[in-house]
Amino acid sequence: MDINNFYAKIIPPDDYEHRRDFKNENLIDDLNNSEKKALENLLIEDLSSRMDLLVIETLAYIKSKKSVGLIEQKLDESTEPYDKIIIAWCLYSMDKDKDRMIKIAHDNFLLINNDYVKTTLFYYLGKFKEEKLNGVLKSYNNSKNVLLSHNSKAALELQ
């Protein structure tokens, strides 16, 4: 397998057309250990030169301990609450400083004002399966905004 060609399949261009509803887990699951190590190295190399949430999520999915320091650096460098929540989830999923990651996700979610963005982030908050973040989700369950109400409940149900 040409890992560079494969890389282009699992990390498509960062635009709506290529990443809308994109998932790469099934492709990664088919890799052997040697291919996963080569992929991990490419992901780390890519992330060291740019910020890409899909690269971070992919590193978290493969449980790359080697990338934790770099991902923490991206978290510290980020100024976007949306990015911080997703990066915090990734580090949390890799068993890194769980209490701090919950606090980062919580505090940054409170900075989000766009309802559409909130609906996307509800699913990340739900992945934590933590009471503090579940409380945030529950606070939207009876919202008059159907989009918020429906998605907050759906995020809780996925637990």
Protein backbone atom coordinates (compact mmCIF):
# COMPACT_ATOMS: atom_id res chain seq x y z
CA MET A 1 0.00 0.00 0.00
CA ASP A 2 1.22 3.48 -0.85
CA ILE A 3 0.69 5.24 2.45
CA ASN A 4 0.94 8.71 0.86
CA ASN A 5 -1.95 7.97 -1.51
CA PHE A 6 -3.87 6.46 1.37
CA TYR A 7 -3.22 9.60 3.42
CA ALA A 8 -4.98 11.71 0.80
CA LYS A 9 -8.04 9.48 1.21
CA ILE A 10 -8.22 9.73 4.98
CA ILE A 11 -7.36 13.46 5.17
CA PRO A 12 -9.19 15.06 2.24
CA PRO A 13 -8.92 18.79 1.46
CA ASP A 14 -10.22 20.98 4.25
CA ASP A 15 -13.36 22.30 2.61
CA TYR A 16 -17.07 21.69 2.88
CA GLU A 17 -17.29 19.71 -0.36
CA HIS A 18 -14.68 17.14 0.72
CA ARG A 19 -15.37 16.93 4.43
CA ARG A 20 -19.13 17.18 4.76
CA ASP A 21 -20.24 14.03 6.63
CA PHE A 22 -16.75 12.56 6.07
CA LYS A 23 -15.60 9.70 8.29
CA ASN A 24 -12.28 7.90 8.03
CA GLU A 25 -12.54 5.35 10.84
CA ASN A 26 -13.53 2.45 8.58
CA LEU A 27 -10.47 3.04 6.40
CA ILE A 28 -8.17 3.20 9.41
CA ASP A 29 -9.66 0.05 10.95
CA ASP A 30 -8.51 -1.94 7.91
CA LEU A 31 -4.84 -1.04 8.41
CA ASN A 32 -2.29 -3.40 9.93
CA ASN A 33 0.01 -2.23 12.76
CA SER A 34 2.86 -1.28 10.43
CA GLU A 35 0.55 0.82 8.25
CA LYS A 36 -0.94 2.49 11.33
CA LYS A 37 2.54 3.47 12.53
CA ALA A 38 3.39 4.94 9.11
CA LEU A 39 0.06 6.79 9.12
CA GLU A 40 0.71 8.09 12.64
CA ASN A 41 4.05 9.52 11.53
CA LEU A 42 2.47 11.26 8.52
CA LEU A 43 -0.32 12.70 10.67
CA ILE A 44 2.17 14.08 13.20
CA GLU A 45 4.30 15.56 10.43
CA ASP A 46 1.24 17.19 8.87
CA LEU A 47 -0.04 18.55 12.19
CA SER A 48 3.34 20.01 13.07
CA SER A 49 3.10 22.33 10.06
CA ARG A 50 -0.58 23.34 10.22
CA MET A 51 -3.77 23.21 12.28
CA ASP A 52 -6.31 20.63 11.13
CA LEU A 53 -9.01 19.24 13.40
CA LEU A 54 -9.44 16.12 11.27
CA VAL A 55 -5.76 15.29 11.70
CA ILE A 56 -6.11 15.74 15.47
CA GLU A 57 -9.27 13.63 15.59
CA THR A 58 -7.57 10.92 13.54
CA LEU A 59 -4.56 10.88 15.88
CA ALA A 60 -6.96 10.56 18.81
CA TYR A 61 -8.82 7.75 17.05
CA ILE A 62 -5.62 5.74 16.64
CA LYS A 63 -4.70 6.60 20.26
CA SER A 64 -1.36 8.13 19.26
CA LYS A 65 0.50 8.69 22.52
CA LYS A 66 3.38 10.09 20.46
CA SER A 67 1.22 13.03 19.34
CA VAL A 68 -0.15 14.14 22.73
CA GLY A 69 2.42 16.91 23.26
CA LEU A 70 1.80 18.34 19.80
CA ILE A 71 -1.98 18.19 20.25
CA GLU A 72 -1.65 19.96 23.61
CA GLN A 73 0.41 22.62 21.86
CA LYS A 74 -2.36 23.10 19.26
CA LEU A 75 -4.89 23.41 22.09
CA ASP A 76 -2.79 26.10 23.77
CA GLU A 77 -2.26 27.97 20.49
CA SER A 78 -5.90 27.91 19.47
CA THR A 79 -8.03 30.98 20.07
CA GLU A 80 -11.26 29.47 18.70
CA PRO A 81 -13.67 28.03 21.31
CA TYR A 82 -15.01 25.56 18.69
CA ASP A 83 -11.52 24.17 18.04
CA LYS A 84 -10.67 24.06 21.74
CA ILE A 85 -13.73 21.92 22.50
CA ILE A 86 -12.90 19.38 19.81
CA ILE A 87 -9.22 19.27 20.76
CA ALA A 88 -10.17 18.89 24.45
CA TRP A 89 -12.39 15.94 23.52
CA CYS A 90 -9.52 14.34 21.59
CA LEU A 91 -7.12 14.68 24.51
CA TYR A 92 -9.80 13.48 26.93
CA SER A 93 -10.35 10.38 24.77
CA MET A 94 -6.62 9.69 25.02
CA ASP A 95 -6.82 9.83 28.86
CA LYS A 96 -4.98 13.14 29.10
CA ASP A 97 -5.76 15.40 32.07
CA LYS A 98 -9.48 14.61 32.03
CA ASP A 99 -10.59 17.20 34.58
CA ARG A 100 -8.81 19.98 32.69
CA MET A 101 -10.30 18.85 29.36
CA ILE A 102 -13.82 18.87 30.83
CA LYS A 103 -13.24 22.40 32.12
CA ILE A 104 -11.89 23.58 28.76
CA ALA A 105 -14.87 22.09 26.91
CA HIS A 106 -17.34 23.57 29.39
CA ASP A 107 -15.82 27.04 29.54
CA ASN A 108 -15.37 27.32 25.79
CA PHE A 109 -18.89 26.10 25.06
CA LEU A 110 -20.20 29.00 27.13
CA LEU A 111 -18.43 31.36 24.70
CA ILE A 112 -20.35 30.01 21.68
CA ASN A 113 -23.24 32.23 20.59
CA ASN A 114 -24.14 30.66 17.24
CA ASP A 115 -26.98 28.13 17.64
CA TYR A 116 -25.95 26.12 14.59
CA VAL A 117 -22.40 25.76 15.94
CA LYS A 118 -23.82 24.72 19.32
CA THR A 119 -25.75 21.87 17.72
CA THR A 120 -22.54 20.43 16.28
CA LEU A 121 -20.71 20.83 19.57
CA PHE A 122 -23.50 19.14 21.54
CA TYR A 123 -22.30 15.82 20.13
CA TYR A 124 -18.75 16.44 21.32
CA LEU A 125 -20.00 17.40 24.79
CA GLY A 126 -22.04 14.20 24.84
CA LYS A 127 -18.99 12.07 24.01
CA PHE A 128 -17.38 13.08 27.30
CA LYS A 129 -20.21 11.35 29.21
CA GLU A 130 -19.48 13.65 32.13
CA GLU A 131 -22.15 15.08 34.42
CA LYS A 132 -20.95 18.69 34.15
CA LEU A 133 -21.23 18.61 30.36
CA ASN A 134 -24.42 16.56 30.42
CA GLY A 135 -25.86 19.35 32.56
CA VAL A 136 -25.09 21.80 29.78
CA LEU A 137 -26.85 19.53 27.28
CA LYS A 138 -29.85 19.10 29.57
CA SER A 139 -30.16 22.87 29.91
CA TYR A 140 -31.11 22.99 26.21
CA ASN A 141 -33.60 20.09 26.27
CA ASN A 142 -36.62 22.36 26.66
CA SER A 143 -35.40 25.21 24.50
CA LYS A 144 -37.98 26.94 22.35
CA ASN A 145 -35.44 26.59 19.54
CA VAL A 146 -36.30 23.16 18.14
CA LEU A 147 -32.82 22.76 16.63
CA LEU A 148 -31.19 23.18 20.04
CA SER A 149 -33.73 21.07 21.89
CA HIS A 150 -33.63 18.18 19.43
CA ASN A 151 -29.85 18.04 19.12
CA SER A 152 -29.16 18.36 22.85
CA LYS A 153 -31.49 15.41 23.50
CA ALA A 154 -29.97 13.41 20.65
CA ALA A 155 -26.46 13.99 22.00
CA LEU A 156 -27.55 12.67 25.39
CA GLU A 157 -29.26 9.65 23.85
CA LEU A 158 -26.09 8.63 22.02
CA GLN A 159 -24.41 8.00 25.35
